[in-house]
């Protein structure tokens, strides 16, 4: 893990001149969710790098779609970054339980939009994520990544170095009231609504840092990050 942080330190500080904002809002111990917008494959690395601190020994994990792990070599590389396989768009109950169990002790990067966003506006959050949060009952830190999509464009062999990126961390959500209530579709939706509103606030508060995308670009596309089918439907 220390080797990877050394590489990330070189990449994000020297090549991209990136920085984290509001890192003091991330709890220093225990399990938690870093819940962020999703625009680039770089999100799963840059979020925990700034959220956990330079050269941190804390473990971070992120669910990735099952297909990415079929190649043994690719699987080894992906797993080394904290990823674990999840079936996309299936009622993978075991995967849900695994995410909840991991969240009790480790940091998990999750993307409530459920897909990689190619547009300027946030996509609606998935109520299924609300169930995960409700059952895990750990802190949830709203997170907003800025300009990652411009740092490595989809389809490009090499990244666009020196494109400055930012990762903004808000204060953990106030969810005790929801956690004290029995889980329901309405509760799950309220949790996700609350989360997306806080992410939207981070976006608005730091809009001067953001480089916009072509307004004609489609809003979303399939992502390597995965979660089980929405259990709240």
Protein backbone atom coordinates (compact mmCIF):
# COMPACT_ATOMS: atom_id res chain seq x y z
CA UNK A 1 0.00 0.00 0.00
CA UNK A 2 2.85 2.38 0.84
CA UNK A 3 4.27 1.93 -2.67
CA UNK A 4 0.97 2.93 -4.26
CA UNK A 5 0.74 6.03 -2.08
CA UNK A 6 4.23 7.00 -3.17
CA UNK A 7 3.15 6.71 -6.82
CA UNK A 8 -0.09 8.59 -6.18
CA UNK A 9 1.83 11.31 -4.36
CA UNK A 10 4.03 11.78 -7.39
CA UNK A 11 1.12 11.79 -9.82
CA UNK A 12 -1.38 13.98 -7.99
CA UNK A 13 0.99 16.56 -6.52
CA UNK A 14 3.71 16.93 -9.14
CA UNK A 15 1.95 16.07 -12.39
CA UNK A 16 -1.59 17.24 -11.69
CA UNK A 17 -0.96 19.81 -8.93
CA UNK A 18 -4.19 18.66 -7.34
CA UNK A 19 -5.45 19.22 -3.83
CA UNK A 20 -8.10 18.18 -1.37
CA UNK A 21 -10.55 20.67 0.18
CA UNK A 22 -12.34 20.06 3.47
CA UNK A 23 -10.24 17.00 4.34
CA UNK A 24 -10.79 17.80 8.02
CA UNK A 25 -14.40 16.67 7.53
CA UNK A 26 -13.37 13.04 6.97
CA UNK A 27 -13.44 11.00 10.23
CA UNK A 28 -9.94 9.85 11.14
CA UNK A 29 -10.89 6.32 12.17
CA UNK A 30 -13.57 3.69 11.70
CA UNK A 31 -15.55 2.63 8.68
CA UNK A 32 -17.31 5.13 6.45
CA UNK A 33 -18.62 5.87 2.97
CA UNK A 34 -17.06 8.53 0.76
CA UNK A 35 -20.03 9.22 -1.53
CA UNK A 36 -19.11 11.16 -4.64
CA UNK A 37 -20.06 12.24 -8.12
CA UNK A 38 -18.43 10.07 -10.78
CA UNK A 39 -16.89 11.39 -14.01
CA UNK A 40 -13.62 9.48 -14.49
CA UNK A 41 -11.81 6.23 -13.78
CA UNK A 42 -9.43 8.33 -11.71
CA UNK A 43 -12.13 8.98 -9.10
CA UNK A 44 -11.58 5.68 -7.29
CA UNK A 45 -7.94 6.61 -6.64
CA UNK A 46 -7.93 10.36 -6.11
CA UNK A 47 -10.88 10.32 -3.65
CA UNK A 48 -9.31 8.04 -1.02
CA UNK A 49 -5.86 9.53 -1.62
CA UNK A 50 -6.97 12.98 -0.46
CA UNK A 51 -9.70 11.75 1.88
CA UNK A 52 -7.49 9.49 3.96
CA UNK A 53 -4.35 11.60 3.89
CA UNK A 54 -0.93 11.15 2.35
CA UNK A 55 0.68 7.78 3.07
CA UNK A 56 -2.26 6.63 5.16
CA UNK A 57 -2.39 3.04 6.37
CA UNK A 58 -6.19 3.01 6.39
CA UNK A 59 -7.72 0.57 3.95
CA UNK A 60 -10.05 1.80 1.23
CA UNK A 61 -12.29 -0.31 -0.97
CA UNK A 62 -14.59 0.22 -3.92
CA UNK A 63 -17.01 -2.13 -5.68
CA UNK A 64 -16.18 -2.82 -9.35
CA UNK A 65 -18.22 -4.58 -12.00
CA UNK A 66 -17.58 -8.32 -12.18
CA UNK A 67 -16.40 -8.28 -15.80
CA UNK A 68 -13.26 -6.32 -14.88
CA UNK A 69 -11.97 -9.23 -12.81
CA UNK A 70 -12.13 -11.99 -15.45
CA UNK A 71 -8.61 -11.35 -16.73
CA UNK A 72 -6.18 -12.66 -14.07
CA UNK A 73 -3.58 -9.94 -14.65
CA UNK A 74 -6.15 -7.14 -14.77
CA UNK A 75 -7.83 -8.61 -11.70
CA UNK A 76 -4.56 -8.51 -9.75
CA UNK A 77 -4.00 -4.85 -10.62
CA UNK A 78 -7.57 -3.84 -9.89
CA UNK A 79 -7.68 -5.66 -6.56
CA UNK A 80 -4.44 -3.95 -5.54
CA UNK A 81 -6.29 -0.61 -5.64
CA UNK A 82 -8.94 -1.86 -3.19
CA UNK A 83 -11.59 -2.98 -5.68
CA UNK A 84 -13.77 -6.07 -5.24
CA UNK A 85 -16.22 -7.64 -7.75
CA UNK A 86 -19.95 -6.96 -7.76
CA UNK A 87 -22.55 -8.09 -10.28
CA UNK A 88 -24.09 -5.16 -12.13
CA UNK A 89 -27.86 -4.89 -12.37
CA UNK A 90 -28.56 -8.07 -10.46
CA UNK A 91 -29.99 -8.68 -7.02
CA UNK A 92 -26.64 -9.70 -5.60
CA UNK A 93 -27.60 -10.00 -1.93
CA UNK A 94 -24.20 -11.40 -0.99
CA UNK A 95 -22.51 -8.33 -2.52
CA UNK A 96 -24.75 -6.03 -0.48
CA UNK A 97 -23.83 -7.88 2.69
CA UNK A 98 -20.15 -7.72 1.77
CA UNK A 99 -20.28 -3.95 1.24
CA UNK A 100 -22.07 -3.46 4.55
CA UNK A 101 -19.57 -5.66 6.41
CA UNK A 102 -16.57 -3.90 4.85
CA UNK A 103 -18.02 -0.48 5.68
CA UNK A 104 -18.01 -1.34 9.38
CA UNK A 105 -14.20 -1.09 9.47
CA UNK A 106 -12.87 0.24 6.17
CA UNK A 107 -13.43 3.22 3.89
CA UNK A 108 -15.59 2.53 0.83
CA UNK A 109 -15.83 4.84 -2.17
CA UNK A 110 -19.36 4.82 -3.58
CA UNK A 111 -21.03 6.68 -6.44
CA UNK A 112 -24.73 7.37 -5.76
CA UNK A 113 -25.38 8.34 -9.40
CA UNK A 114 -24.72 4.69 -10.27
CA UNK A 115 -22.89 5.43 -13.52
CA UNK A 116 -20.18 7.64 -14.94
CA UNK A 117 -21.61 11.09 -15.58
CA UNK A 118 -20.52 12.77 -18.83
CA UNK A 119 -22.57 15.94 -18.41
CA UNK A 120 -22.42 19.12 -16.33
CA UNK A 121 -25.37 18.32 -14.04
CA UNK A 122 -25.60 15.68 -11.33
CA UNK A 123 -27.71 12.61 -12.07
CA UNK A 124 -30.39 11.36 -9.63
CA UNK A 125 -29.13 9.17 -6.81
CA UNK A 126 -30.11 5.50 -6.54
CA UNK A 127 -32.48 4.66 -3.64
CA UNK A 128 -30.72 1.28 -3.43
CA UNK A 129 -27.74 3.08 -1.99
CA UNK A 130 -29.97 4.41 0.75
CA UNK A 131 -30.56 0.87 1.94
CA UNK A 132 -26.84 0.16 2.07
CA UNK A 133 -26.24 3.30 4.11
CA UNK A 134 -29.16 2.58 6.43
CA UNK A 135 -28.05 -0.98 7.15
CA UNK A 136 -24.35 -0.14 7.52
CA UNK A 137 -25.04 2.79 9.87
CA UNK A 138 -21.62 4.38 9.40
CA UNK A 139 -20.68 7.99 8.61
CA UNK A 140 -21.32 9.19 5.06
CA UNK A 141 -19.13 12.00 3.73
CA UNK A 142 -20.55 13.83 0.68
CA UNK A 143 -17.73 14.31 -1.82
CA UNK A 144 -17.35 16.22 -5.07
CA UNK A 145 -14.53 15.65 -7.56
CA UNK A 146 -13.69 18.52 -9.90
CA UNK A 147 -12.06 18.24 -13.36
CA UNK A 148 -11.13 14.53 -13.18
CA UNK A 149 -12.85 13.94 -16.53
CA UNK A 150 -10.47 16.44 -18.14
CA UNK A 151 -7.42 14.80 -16.59
CA UNK A 152 -8.00 11.55 -18.47
CA UNK A 153 -10.51 11.58 -21.28
CA UNK A 154 -12.30 8.33 -22.06
CA UNK A 155 -10.75 6.61 -25.06
CA UNK A 156 -7.41 8.36 -24.70
CA UNK A 157 -4.33 6.18 -24.23
CA UNK A 158 -2.52 8.72 -22.07
CA UNK A 159 -3.85 11.10 -19.40
CA UNK A 160 -3.83 14.86 -19.76
CA UNK A 161 -1.12 15.79 -17.28
CA UNK A 162 -1.09 19.15 -15.50
CA UNK A 163 -4.89 19.41 -15.51
CA UNK A 164 -5.48 20.48 -11.92
CA UNK A 165 -8.07 18.45 -10.01
CA UNK A 166 -9.81 19.05 -6.71
CA UNK A 167 -11.61 16.74 -4.30
CA UNK A 168 -14.05 18.50 -1.97
CA UNK A 169 -15.25 16.79 1.22
CA UNK A 170 -18.32 18.01 3.05
CA UNK A 171 -19.30 17.36 6.65
CA UNK A 172 -20.70 13.88 7.40
CA UNK A 173 -24.45 13.67 6.89
CA UNK A 174 -26.75 13.91 9.90
CA UNK A 175 -28.41 10.49 9.61
CA UNK A 176 -29.09 9.42 13.20
CA UNK A 177 -32.78 10.19 12.82
CA UNK A 178 -33.01 7.83 9.84
CA UNK A 179 -30.88 5.15 11.50
CA UNK A 180 -33.24 5.06 14.49
CA UNK A 181 -36.20 4.28 12.22
CA UNK A 182 -37.07 0.97 10.63
CA UNK A 183 -35.86 0.70 7.05
CA UNK A 184 -38.35 1.43 4.27
CA UNK A 185 -38.39 2.61 0.67
CA UNK A 186 -39.34 6.09 1.86
CA UNK A 187 -36.42 6.22 4.33
CA UNK A 188 -33.95 4.97 1.71
CA UNK A 189 -35.08 7.62 -0.75
CA UNK A 190 -34.83 10.37 1.87
CA UNK A 191 -31.28 9.35 2.72
CA UNK A 192 -30.20 9.50 -0.92
CA UNK A 193 -32.09 12.76 -1.48
CA UNK A 194 -30.24 14.26 1.48
CA UNK A 195 -26.93 12.99 0.14
CA UNK A 196 -27.41 14.32 -3.40
CA UNK A 197 -28.47 17.71 -2.05
CA UNK A 198 -25.23 17.96 -0.07
CA UNK A 199 -23.13 16.94 -3.08
CA UNK A 200 -24.96 19.58 -5.13
CA UNK A 201 -24.09 22.19 -2.50
CA UNK A 202 -20.40 21.29 -2.79
CA UNK A 203 -20.64 21.61 -6.56
CA UNK A 204 -22.26 25.05 -6.30
CA UNK A 205 -19.84 26.31 -3.64
CA UNK A 206 -16.82 25.48 -5.81
CA UNK A 207 -18.20 26.10 -9.29
CA UNK A 208 -15.45 28.61 -10.07
CA UNK A 209 -12.93 25.73 -10.03
CA UNK A 210 -14.82 23.57 -12.48
CA UNK A 211 -14.09 23.34 -16.18
CA UNK A 212 -17.38 22.63 -18.03
CA UNK A 213 -17.93 19.94 -20.65
CA UNK A 214 -19.56 20.20 -24.06
CA UNK A 215 -23.32 20.66 -23.42
CA UNK A 216 -24.07 18.29 -26.32
CA UNK A 217 -22.25 15.42 -24.60
CA UNK A 218 -24.58 12.60 -23.38
CA UNK A 219 -25.17 12.72 -19.65
CA UNK A 220 -24.03 9.23 -18.69
CA UNK A 221 -22.32 6.01 -19.73
CA UNK A 222 -21.64 2.61 -18.15
CA UNK A 223 -19.07 2.72 -15.38
CA UNK A 224 -16.58 0.24 -14.01
CA UNK A 225 -17.85 0.97 -10.54
CA UNK A 226 -20.79 -1.20 -9.64
CA UNK A 227 -23.45 -1.85 -7.07
CA UNK A 228 -26.21 -4.48 -6.86
CA UNK A 229 -29.56 -3.78 -8.47
CA UNK A 230 -31.63 -1.23 -6.60
CA UNK A 231 -33.15 -3.19 -3.70
CA UNK A 232 -35.55 -0.38 -2.89
CA UNK A 233 -37.59 -0.74 -6.06
